[in-house]
């Protein structure tokens, strides 16, 4: 009996030291973030030549958000200046569609820069766009192929792109009208897209009846990652005494617990949440968004560090293995709406943005230790 007890004791001690050996230092997290940011910023002139990556599109908007958060923790004014230059060049305008969620995502950057510089001109076009939409709401059916459905948030990615802007603007301006509009539309989308049995989000209504090769429901990795990131941003910008705040938190915790249980043993999540065998390769953008949302939850005091820290750490260590020596982030699924094949060479600008968001939250968490 004594021999067994000693074996368990030694195993426990070894486990503690092994776990500690896996914990990166804050400076190492910062360095790899700066390497990824620099590669992506250097690639920017080539990147915006693609029609899918014009300066005000959501793809680049996510990268801008990550660079802005990196600028805050590094106190590196050159990052802010680079971002401000893009904002002035674009006249602080959003992308084309008045209602289309993806087209206002870039306003998240404008809100971040307004927080830093305090220049009202940075918010004027955003304020005008959002107020027009609130004065002219649409009640289109949320079914993906229904007429006018894309004027509302009928696909789960949209929850990261649009309601987050309304939440940020409400905090910056003190205008609760933004929250009232956001709340109505956000919960309509959740009610439509959230599977209450599996506690995961369908990408859109086309996938309600579709199945993976293993007969499981199709829940797209990055699509669910977008929702995780959205909840972190929205909750983080709600007033502490906001009546519906607890409702958002309840969804966030329930959803997070499901996501954590689907993490691969190597720390990654896959393009498919429920059929990793058919999609065996890692997927960096989903992994980064989940890592961001979970680390944010620990930092905000909503999630228990004891319960969720190892998951966050495993995800970050996995993500670092996806960074090429030059700073390019690999294993990023291309633009899409469902699980697709991914390779180490594949990269996308929004993947780097999500990586930076995750890194910043982990950096804060490690600094607090």
Protein backbone atom coordinates (compact mmCIF):
# COMPACT_ATOMS: atom_id res chain seq x y z
CA UNK A 1 0.00 0.00 0.00
CA UNK A 2 2.82 2.32 0.92
CA UNK A 3 4.55 1.50 -2.37
CA UNK A 4 1.38 2.42 -4.32
CA UNK A 5 1.02 5.68 -2.39
CA UNK A 6 4.62 6.67 -3.18
CA UNK A 7 4.10 5.87 -6.88
CA UNK A 8 1.02 8.12 -7.01
CA UNK A 9 2.88 10.85 -5.14
CA UNK A 10 5.81 10.75 -7.55
CA UNK A 11 3.47 10.70 -10.53
CA UNK A 12 1.70 13.75 -9.15
CA UNK A 13 4.94 15.61 -8.61
CA UNK A 14 6.14 14.72 -12.11
CA UNK A 15 2.81 15.93 -13.52
CA UNK A 16 3.18 19.27 -11.79
CA UNK A 17 6.68 19.82 -13.11
CA UNK A 18 5.72 18.67 -16.59
CA UNK A 19 2.79 21.08 -16.61
CA UNK A 20 4.99 23.92 -15.47
CA UNK A 21 7.54 23.12 -18.17
CA UNK A 22 4.81 23.68 -20.74
CA UNK A 23 3.89 27.15 -19.48
CA UNK A 24 5.54 29.79 -21.70
CA UNK A 25 6.92 33.01 -20.32
CA UNK A 26 4.97 36.15 -21.17
CA UNK A 27 7.87 37.54 -23.19
CA UNK A 28 8.01 34.43 -25.36
CA UNK A 29 4.29 34.78 -26.09
CA UNK A 30 4.84 38.40 -27.02
CA UNK A 31 7.77 37.59 -29.29
CA UNK A 32 5.92 35.00 -31.33
CA UNK A 33 2.96 37.38 -31.65
CA UNK A 34 5.23 40.11 -32.95
CA UNK A 35 6.74 37.69 -35.46
CA UNK A 36 3.30 36.73 -36.77
CA UNK A 37 2.15 40.37 -36.83
CA UNK A 38 5.23 41.51 -38.71
CA UNK A 39 4.87 38.80 -41.36
CA UNK A 40 1.21 39.65 -41.86
CA UNK A 41 1.82 43.39 -41.99
CA UNK A 42 4.62 42.90 -44.51
CA UNK A 43 2.27 40.75 -46.58
CA UNK A 44 -0.46 43.39 -46.46
CA UNK A 45 0.30 45.14 -49.80
CA UNK A 46 0.10 41.81 -51.64
CA UNK A 47 -2.87 40.70 -49.59
CA UNK A 48 -5.12 43.66 -50.41
CA UNK A 49 -4.68 43.08 -54.12
CA UNK A 50 -7.05 40.12 -53.78
CA UNK A 51 -10.73 40.95 -54.16
CA UNK A 52 -11.45 38.92 -51.02
CA UNK A 53 -9.06 41.02 -48.94
CA UNK A 54 -9.72 44.65 -49.80
CA UNK A 55 -8.83 47.03 -46.92
CA UNK A 56 -12.29 47.35 -45.36
CA UNK A 57 -13.36 43.72 -45.71
CA UNK A 58 -13.87 41.51 -42.67
CA UNK A 59 -10.84 39.42 -43.52
CA UNK A 60 -8.41 42.27 -42.92
CA UNK A 61 -10.61 43.71 -40.16
CA UNK A 62 -9.90 40.71 -37.94
CA UNK A 63 -6.18 41.15 -38.47
CA UNK A 64 -6.42 44.85 -37.62
CA UNK A 65 -8.18 43.99 -34.38
CA UNK A 66 -5.38 41.63 -33.38
CA UNK A 67 -2.67 44.16 -34.20
CA UNK A 68 -4.51 46.83 -32.18
CA UNK A 69 -4.65 44.56 -29.13
CA UNK A 70 -0.97 43.72 -29.57
CA UNK A 71 -0.20 47.44 -29.69
CA UNK A 72 -1.84 47.88 -26.29
CA UNK A 73 0.24 45.30 -24.46
CA UNK A 74 3.51 46.25 -26.15
CA UNK A 75 3.01 50.03 -25.96
CA UNK A 76 4.31 50.04 -29.52
CA UNK A 77 3.00 53.22 -31.10
CA UNK A 78 4.15 52.11 -34.56
CA UNK A 79 1.38 49.51 -34.63
CA UNK A 80 -1.22 52.16 -33.83
CA UNK A 81 0.24 54.51 -36.44
CA UNK A 82 0.12 51.80 -39.09
CA UNK A 83 -3.52 51.09 -38.30
CA UNK A 84 -4.40 54.77 -38.15
CA UNK A 85 -2.88 55.24 -41.59
CA UNK A 86 -5.24 52.61 -42.98
CA UNK A 87 -8.22 54.27 -41.30
CA UNK A 88 -7.42 57.69 -42.74
CA UNK A 89 -6.77 56.26 -46.19
CA UNK A 90 -10.21 54.62 -46.13
CA UNK A 91 -11.85 57.74 -44.72
CA UNK A 92 -13.05 55.66 -41.74
CA UNK A 93 -15.70 54.19 -44.03
CA UNK A 94 -17.10 50.70 -43.76
CA UNK A 95 -17.50 48.21 -46.58
CA UNK A 96 -20.33 48.31 -49.12
CA UNK A 97 -23.49 46.74 -47.75
CA UNK A 98 -25.70 48.79 -45.45
CA UNK A 99 -27.08 45.74 -43.64
CA UNK A 100 -24.56 43.00 -44.43
CA UNK A 101 -22.82 42.02 -41.18
CA UNK A 102 -19.39 41.30 -42.67
CA UNK A 103 -19.23 44.80 -44.10
CA UNK A 104 -19.24 46.57 -40.74
CA UNK A 105 -16.63 44.39 -39.02
CA UNK A 106 -13.89 46.92 -39.80
CA UNK A 107 -15.65 49.35 -37.45
CA UNK A 108 -14.24 47.30 -34.58
CA UNK A 109 -10.83 48.70 -35.52
CA UNK A 110 -12.21 52.23 -35.65
CA UNK A 111 -13.59 51.78 -32.14
CA UNK A 112 -10.22 50.50 -30.93
CA UNK A 113 -8.43 53.47 -32.48
CA UNK A 114 -10.97 55.89 -31.04
CA UNK A 115 -10.22 54.48 -27.59
CA UNK A 116 -6.54 55.24 -28.19
CA UNK A 117 -6.71 58.61 -29.97
CA UNK A 118 -10.11 60.02 -28.95
CA UNK A 119 -10.74 61.50 -32.41
CA UNK A 120 -14.49 61.69 -33.08
CA UNK A 121 -13.93 61.64 -36.83
CA UNK A 122 -12.94 57.99 -36.55
CA UNK A 123 -16.49 57.02 -35.55
CA UNK A 124 -18.67 59.26 -37.72
CA UNK A 125 -19.28 56.89 -40.66
CA UNK A 126 -19.86 53.99 -38.27
CA UNK A 127 -22.35 55.98 -36.23
CA UNK A 128 -24.18 57.02 -39.41
CA UNK A 129 -24.35 53.45 -40.74
CA UNK A 130 -25.57 51.90 -37.50
CA UNK A 131 -28.13 54.58 -36.83
CA UNK A 132 -29.55 54.24 -40.35
CA UNK A 133 -29.93 50.49 -39.88
CA UNK A 134 -31.60 50.95 -36.49
CA UNK A 135 -34.05 53.42 -37.99
CA UNK A 136 -34.74 51.08 -40.91
CA UNK A 137 -34.78 47.57 -39.42
CA UNK A 138 -35.70 44.57 -41.50
CA UNK A 139 -37.72 41.56 -40.39
CA UNK A 140 -36.58 39.19 -43.15
CA UNK A 141 -36.74 35.46 -42.57
CA UNK A 142 -33.45 34.07 -41.15
CA UNK A 143 -33.54 31.06 -43.46
CA UNK A 144 -30.28 31.41 -45.37
CA UNK A 145 -31.74 31.31 -48.87
CA UNK A 146 -34.82 33.41 -48.09
CA UNK A 147 -35.10 36.81 -49.80
CA UNK A 148 -33.39 39.49 -47.73
CA UNK A 149 -32.05 37.02 -45.15
CA UNK A 150 -28.52 38.41 -45.44
CA UNK A 151 -29.80 41.76 -44.24
CA UNK A 152 -29.98 40.07 -40.84
CA UNK A 153 -27.52 37.88 -38.93
CA UNK A 154 -28.57 34.58 -40.45
CA UNK A 155 -25.15 32.88 -40.40
CA UNK A 156 -23.10 32.31 -37.25
CA UNK A 157 -20.00 34.21 -38.47
CA UNK A 158 -22.16 37.32 -38.53
CA UNK A 159 -22.31 37.32 -34.74
CA UNK A 160 -18.62 38.19 -34.65
CA UNK A 161 -18.86 40.74 -37.44
CA UNK A 162 -21.79 42.98 -36.46
CA UNK A 163 -23.19 42.77 -32.90
CA UNK A 164 -19.68 43.29 -31.56
CA UNK A 165 -19.65 46.72 -33.25
CA UNK A 166 -22.96 47.66 -31.64
CA UNK A 167 -21.62 46.60 -28.23
CA UNK A 168 -18.43 48.61 -28.68
CA UNK A 169 -20.33 51.69 -29.85
CA UNK A 170 -22.70 51.48 -26.89
CA UNK A 171 -19.78 51.49 -24.49
CA UNK A 172 -17.96 54.33 -26.26
CA UNK A 173 -21.01 56.58 -26.67
CA UNK A 174 -23.16 55.58 -23.71
CA UNK A 175 -26.11 55.17 -26.10
CA UNK A 176 -28.17 52.16 -24.95
CA UNK A 177 -30.09 52.11 -28.26
CA UNK A 178 -27.17 50.18 -29.75
CA UNK A 179 -27.55 47.47 -27.12
CA UNK A 180 -31.31 47.25 -27.51
CA UNK A 181 -31.03 46.71 -31.26
CA UNK A 182 -28.14 44.29 -30.87
CA UNK A 183 -29.92 42.26 -28.23
CA UNK A 184 -33.05 41.73 -30.30
CA UNK A 185 -31.14 40.63 -33.40
CA UNK A 186 -28.48 38.64 -31.53
CA UNK A 187 -30.94 36.45 -29.66
CA UNK A 188 -33.06 35.93 -32.76
CA UNK A 189 -29.96 34.50 -34.45
CA UNK A 190 -29.01 32.40 -31.44
CA UNK A 191 -32.51 30.97 -31.18
CA UNK A 192 -32.33 30.05 -34.87
CA UNK A 193 -28.77 28.67 -35.12
CA UNK A 194 -27.92 27.24 -31.69
CA UNK A 195 -28.48 23.53 -31.28
CA UNK A 196 -29.79 23.15 -27.73
CA UNK A 197 -28.91 19.44 -27.63
CA UNK A 198 -25.33 19.67 -28.89
CA UNK A 199 -24.66 23.19 -27.55
CA UNK A 200 -23.00 24.18 -30.80
CA UNK A 201 -23.91 26.56 -33.62
CA UNK A 202 -24.92 25.64 -37.13
CA UNK A 203 -23.22 27.82 -39.69
CA UNK A 204 -26.60 28.58 -41.27
CA UNK A 205 -29.92 26.90 -42.01
CA UNK A 206 -28.55 24.93 -44.98
CA UNK A 207 -26.76 22.66 -42.51
CA UNK A 208 -29.73 21.79 -40.28
CA UNK A 209 -30.33 18.47 -42.00
CA UNK A 210 -26.87 17.79 -43.43
CA UNK A 211 -24.62 15.19 -41.82
CA UNK A 212 -20.92 14.41 -41.72
CA UNK A 213 -19.58 11.10 -43.03
CA UNK A 214 -19.86 9.67 -39.52
CA UNK A 215 -23.56 10.71 -39.45
CA UNK A 216 -22.93 13.49 -36.91
CA UNK A 217 -24.38 16.96 -37.43
CA UNK A 218 -22.20 19.44 -39.30
CA UNK A 219 -20.81 22.05 -36.95
CA UNK A 220 -18.04 24.08 -38.56
CA UNK A 221 -14.98 24.73 -36.40
CA UNK A 222 -14.28 28.33 -37.36
CA UNK A 223 -17.97 29.19 -37.43
CA UNK A 224 -18.23 28.20 -33.80
CA UNK A 225 -14.96 30.01 -33.14
CA UNK A 226 -16.49 33.22 -34.46
CA UNK A 227 -19.33 32.88 -31.96
CA UNK A 228 -16.88 32.27 -29.10
CA UNK A 229 -14.97 35.42 -30.03
CA UNK A 230 -18.21 37.36 -30.38
CA UNK A 231 -19.40 36.43 -26.90
CA UNK A 232 -16.09 37.52 -25.38
CA UNK A 233 -16.26 40.92 -27.07
CA UNK A 234 -19.94 41.51 -26.41
CA UNK A 235 -19.89 40.52 -22.75
CA UNK A 236 -16.68 42.46 -22.28
CA UNK A 237 -18.40 45.65 -23.45
CA UNK A 238 -21.69 45.27 -21.60
CA UNK A 239 -22.23 47.35 -18.44
CA UNK A 240 -21.88 45.24 -15.29
CA UNK A 241 -25.46 46.07 -14.33
CA UNK A 242 -26.95 45.44 -17.78
CA UNK A 243 -30.14 43.38 -17.23
CA UNK A 244 -29.44 40.77 -19.91
CA UNK A 245 -25.73 40.38 -19.17
CA UNK A 246 -26.26 37.18 -17.21
CA UNK A 247 -28.13 35.66 -20.13
CA UNK A 248 -25.10 36.19 -22.38
CA UNK A 249 -22.83 34.72 -19.73
CA UNK A 250 -25.01 31.62 -19.32
CA UNK A 251 -24.82 30.95 -23.06
CA UNK A 252 -21.08 31.60 -23.05
CA UNK A 253 -20.38 29.14 -20.20
CA UNK A 254 -22.62 26.40 -21.60
CA UNK A 255 -21.09 26.79 -25.06
CA UNK A 256 -17.53 26.93 -23.70
CA UNK A 257 -17.94 23.72 -21.73
CA UNK A 258 -19.03 21.93 -24.88
CA UNK A 259 -16.16 23.34 -26.92
CA UNK A 260 -13.53 22.43 -24.34
CA UNK A 261 -14.69 18.82 -24.41
CA UNK A 262 -14.04 18.66 -28.16
CA UNK A 263 -10.42 19.83 -28.06
CA UNK A 264 -7.99 17.35 -29.59
CA UNK A 265 -5.39 15.83 -27.25
CA UNK A 266 -2.69 17.80 -29.13
CA UNK A 267 -4.42 21.09 -28.32
CA UNK A 268 -6.03 21.90 -31.67
CA UNK A 269 -9.63 21.89 -32.77
CA UNK A 270 -10.53 20.70 -36.25
CA UNK A 271 -12.46 22.12 -39.18
CA UNK A 272 -15.31 19.82 -38.13
CA UNK A 273 -16.34 19.87 -34.50
CA UNK A 274 -17.88 16.38 -34.50
CA UNK A 275 -16.05 14.47 -37.25
CA UNK A 276 -12.30 14.94 -36.67
CA UNK A 277 -11.58 11.60 -38.32
CA UNK A 278 -12.78 12.87 -41.68
CA UNK A 279 -11.02 16.20 -41.04
CA UNK A 280 -7.91 15.04 -39.16
CA UNK A 281 -5.67 18.04 -39.75
CA UNK A 282 -5.42 20.89 -37.26
CA UNK A 283 -7.25 24.16 -37.96
CA UNK A 284 -5.58 27.27 -36.61
CA UNK A 285 -8.28 29.91 -37.01
CA UNK A 286 -10.88 27.96 -35.00
CA UNK A 287 -8.28 27.02 -32.40
CA UNK A 288 -7.14 30.62 -32.02
CA UNK A 289 -10.69 31.93 -31.65
CA UNK A 290 -11.52 29.32 -29.03
CA UNK A 291 -8.27 30.02 -27.18
CA UNK A 292 -9.05 33.73 -27.27
CA UNK A 293 -12.56 33.32 -25.93
CA UNK A 294 -11.58 30.91 -23.17
CA UNK A 295 -8.55 32.91 -22.03
CA UNK A 296 -10.70 36.03 -22.00
CA UNK A 297 -13.19 34.21 -19.78
CA UNK A 298 -10.48 33.37 -17.26
CA UNK A 299 -9.14 36.92 -17.30
CA UNK A 300 -12.62 38.35 -16.78
CA UNK A 301 -13.32 36.08 -13.81
CA UNK A 302 -16.19 34.27 -15.53
CA UNK A 303 -14.30 31.00 -15.99
CA UNK A 304 -12.33 29.16 -13.33
CA UNK A 305 -8.59 29.23 -13.93
CA UNK A 306 -8.21 25.82 -12.30
CA UNK A 307 -10.67 24.27 -14.73
CA UNK A 308 -9.84 26.04 -17.99
CA UNK A 309 -6.18 27.08 -17.90
CA UNK A 310 -4.80 23.77 -19.21
CA UNK A 311 -7.13 23.89 -22.20
CA UNK A 312 -5.97 27.42 -23.07
CA UNK A 313 -2.33 26.49 -22.63
CA UNK A 314 -2.61 23.39 -24.81
CA UNK A 315 -4.28 25.45 -27.52
CA UNK A 316 -1.58 28.10 -27.46
CA UNK A 317 1.27 25.59 -27.52
CA UNK A 318 -0.41 23.91 -30.48
CA UNK A 319 -0.84 27.22 -32.30
CA UNK A 320 2.84 28.04 -31.88
CA UNK A 321 3.70 24.85 -33.78
CA UNK A 322 1.67 26.24 -36.71
CA UNK A 323 3.88 29.34 -36.97
CA UNK A 324 6.46 29.07 -39.74
CA UNK A 325 10.01 30.28 -39.04
CA UNK A 326 9.30 33.53 -40.94
CA UNK A 327 6.11 34.24 -38.95
CA UNK A 328 3.51 32.92 -41.38
CA UNK A 329 0.69 31.11 -39.60
CA UNK A 330 -0.21 27.77 -41.16
CA UNK A 331 -3.12 25.34 -40.93
CA UNK A 332 -5.69 28.10 -41.63
CA UNK A 333 -8.76 27.00 -43.55
CA UNK A 334 -9.63 29.16 -46.55
CA UNK A 335 -12.73 31.36 -46.68
CA UNK A 336 -15.78 29.13 -46.57
CA UNK A 337 -18.84 28.04 -44.66
CA UNK A 338 -18.23 24.40 -43.79
CA UNK A 339 -15.41 22.02 -42.83
CA UNK A 340 -12.80 21.74 -45.59
CA UNK A 341 -9.29 20.31 -45.92
CA UNK A 342 -6.41 22.28 -44.44
CA UNK A 343 -2.63 22.06 -44.83
CA UNK A 344 0.37 23.46 -42.99
CA UNK A 345 1.07 25.81 -45.90
CA UNK A 346 -2.41 27.36 -45.94
CA UNK A 347 -2.70 30.78 -44.36
CA UNK A 348 -5.22 33.61 -44.26
CA UNK A 349 -5.07 37.10 -42.77
CA UNK A 350 -7.96 36.52 -40.38
CA UNK A 351 -6.11 33.51 -38.95
CA UNK A 352 -3.25 35.77 -37.94
CA UNK A 353 -5.71 38.21 -36.40
CA UNK A 354 -7.31 35.48 -34.32
CA UNK A 355 -3.85 34.25 -33.29
CA UNK A 356 -2.97 37.73 -32.00
CA UNK A 357 -6.23 38.03 -30.08
CA UNK A 358 -5.55 34.69 -28.40
CA UNK A 359 -1.94 35.58 -27.66
CA UNK A 360 -2.85 38.89 -26.03
CA UNK A 361 -5.32 37.23 -23.66
CA UNK A 362 -2.82 34.50 -22.76
CA UNK A 363 -0.14 37.14 -22.22
CA UNK A 364 -2.42 38.97 -19.77
CA UNK A 365 -3.17 35.71 -18.00
CA UNK A 366 0.50 34.78 -17.63
CA UNK A 367 1.44 38.28 -16.48
CA UNK A 368 -1.14 38.00 -13.71
CA UNK A 369 0.46 34.81 -12.40
